[in-house]
Protein backbone atom coordinates (compact mmCIF):
# COMPACT_ATOMS: atom_id res chain seq x y z
CA UNK A 1 0.00 0.00 0.00
CA UNK A 2 2.93 2.34 0.48
CA UNK A 3 4.31 2.36 -3.05
CA UNK A 4 4.21 4.94 -5.85
CA UNK A 5 1.93 2.62 -7.85
CA UNK A 6 -0.50 2.30 -4.93
CA UNK A 7 -0.65 6.07 -4.48
CA UNK A 8 -1.36 6.51 -8.18
CA UNK A 9 -4.21 3.98 -7.92
CA UNK A 10 -5.57 5.78 -4.83
CA UNK A 11 -5.63 9.01 -6.82
CA UNK A 12 -7.24 7.45 -9.89
CA UNK A 13 -9.95 5.72 -7.86
CA UNK A 14 -10.97 8.82 -5.92
CA UNK A 15 -14.25 10.46 -6.98
CA UNK A 16 -12.52 13.83 -6.63
CA UNK A 17 -10.25 12.95 -9.55
CA UNK A 18 -13.12 12.55 -12.01
CA UNK A 19 -15.57 15.30 -10.99
CA UNK A 20 -17.30 17.13 -13.83
CA UNK A 21 -19.93 19.88 -13.86
CA UNK A 22 -22.67 17.42 -14.82
CA UNK A 23 -22.20 15.24 -11.72
CA UNK A 24 -25.13 14.83 -9.32
CA UNK A 25 -25.34 16.65 -5.98
CA UNK A 26 -24.02 14.96 -2.84
CA UNK A 27 -25.32 14.76 0.71
CA UNK A 28 -22.96 12.81 2.98
CA UNK A 29 -23.00 12.02 6.68
CA UNK A 30 -19.98 10.95 8.70
CA UNK A 31 -20.79 9.13 11.94
CA UNK A 32 -17.40 9.66 13.53
CA UNK A 33 -16.27 12.86 15.23
CA UNK A 34 -14.06 15.37 13.42
CA UNK A 35 -11.07 14.22 15.50
CA UNK A 36 -7.92 13.25 13.59
CA UNK A 37 -8.06 9.75 12.03
CA UNK A 38 -6.60 7.00 14.20
CA UNK A 39 -5.96 4.32 11.56
CA UNK A 40 -6.15 3.67 7.80
CA UNK A 41 -9.84 2.68 7.87
CA UNK A 42 -10.68 5.81 9.83
CA UNK A 43 -8.69 7.93 7.37
CA UNK A 44 -10.50 6.49 4.34
CA UNK A 45 -13.91 7.22 5.83
CA UNK A 46 -12.97 10.47 7.59
CA UNK A 47 -14.96 13.67 7.19
CA UNK A 48 -11.84 15.36 5.81
CA UNK A 49 -12.48 13.49 2.56
CA UNK A 50 -16.03 14.86 2.47
CA UNK A 51 -14.84 18.38 3.19
CA UNK A 52 -12.26 18.15 0.40
CA UNK A 53 -14.92 16.75 -1.95
CA UNK A 54 -17.18 19.69 -1.06
CA UNK A 55 -14.42 22.19 -1.87
CA UNK A 56 -13.95 20.62 -5.29
CA UNK A 57 -17.68 20.39 -5.97
CA UNK A 58 -18.19 24.01 -4.90
CA UNK A 59 -15.63 25.11 -7.52
CA UNK A 60 -17.73 23.31 -10.15
CA UNK A 61 -21.03 24.73 -8.86
CA UNK A 62 -22.35 21.33 -7.74
CA UNK A 63 -24.39 21.19 -4.55
CA UNK A 64 -22.61 19.28 -1.80
CA UNK A 65 -23.65 19.02 1.83
CA UNK A 66 -21.36 17.37 4.36
CA UNK A 67 -22.52 16.60 7.90
CA UNK A 68 -21.08 14.74 10.87
CA UNK A 69 -22.33 13.66 14.24
CA UNK A 70 -20.76 16.87 15.58
CA UNK A 71 -23.37 18.94 13.74
CA UNK A 72 -26.24 20.21 15.84
CA UNK A 73 -28.65 20.27 12.90
CA UNK A 74 -31.42 17.70 12.57
CA UNK A 75 -29.50 15.84 9.88
CA UNK A 76 -32.21 13.24 9.34
CA UNK A 77 -34.74 15.87 8.30
CA UNK A 78 -32.16 17.68 6.17
CA UNK A 79 -31.19 14.44 4.43
CA UNK A 80 -34.80 13.56 3.65
CA UNK A 81 -35.42 17.07 2.25
CA UNK A 82 -32.29 16.78 0.08
CA UNK A 83 -33.36 13.48 -1.47
CA UNK A 84 -36.98 14.54 -1.94
CA UNK A 85 -35.75 17.65 -3.76
CA UNK A 86 -33.25 15.89 -6.00
CA UNK A 87 -35.46 12.91 -6.85
CA UNK A 88 -38.30 15.23 -7.83
CA UNK A 89 -40.54 14.12 -4.97
CA UNK A 90 -40.64 17.40 -3.08
CA UNK A 91 -44.12 18.79 -2.68
CA UNK A 92 -44.50 22.53 -2.35
CA UNK A 93 -46.19 23.09 1.01
CA UNK A 94 -47.87 26.36 -0.04
């Protein structure tokens, strides 16, 4: 895993590497705290990836919402609203 070839494969397999303006929006939740990663598995699934993805998506004008268990928002409601909106199931409550 710690070879130049492995690092090239990591880069090529990352969604960040292949983002384009026509990509769909993202809503992601990270169940671990924003503390530094403690091992490889934690690093792969760490919110830092989501935050970096958001930065890249913001530059392309693609909606991206990243949440973690540290957020005080009602993430369940926000998530449902996001998917209802983007799957065309949102009903105007007027």
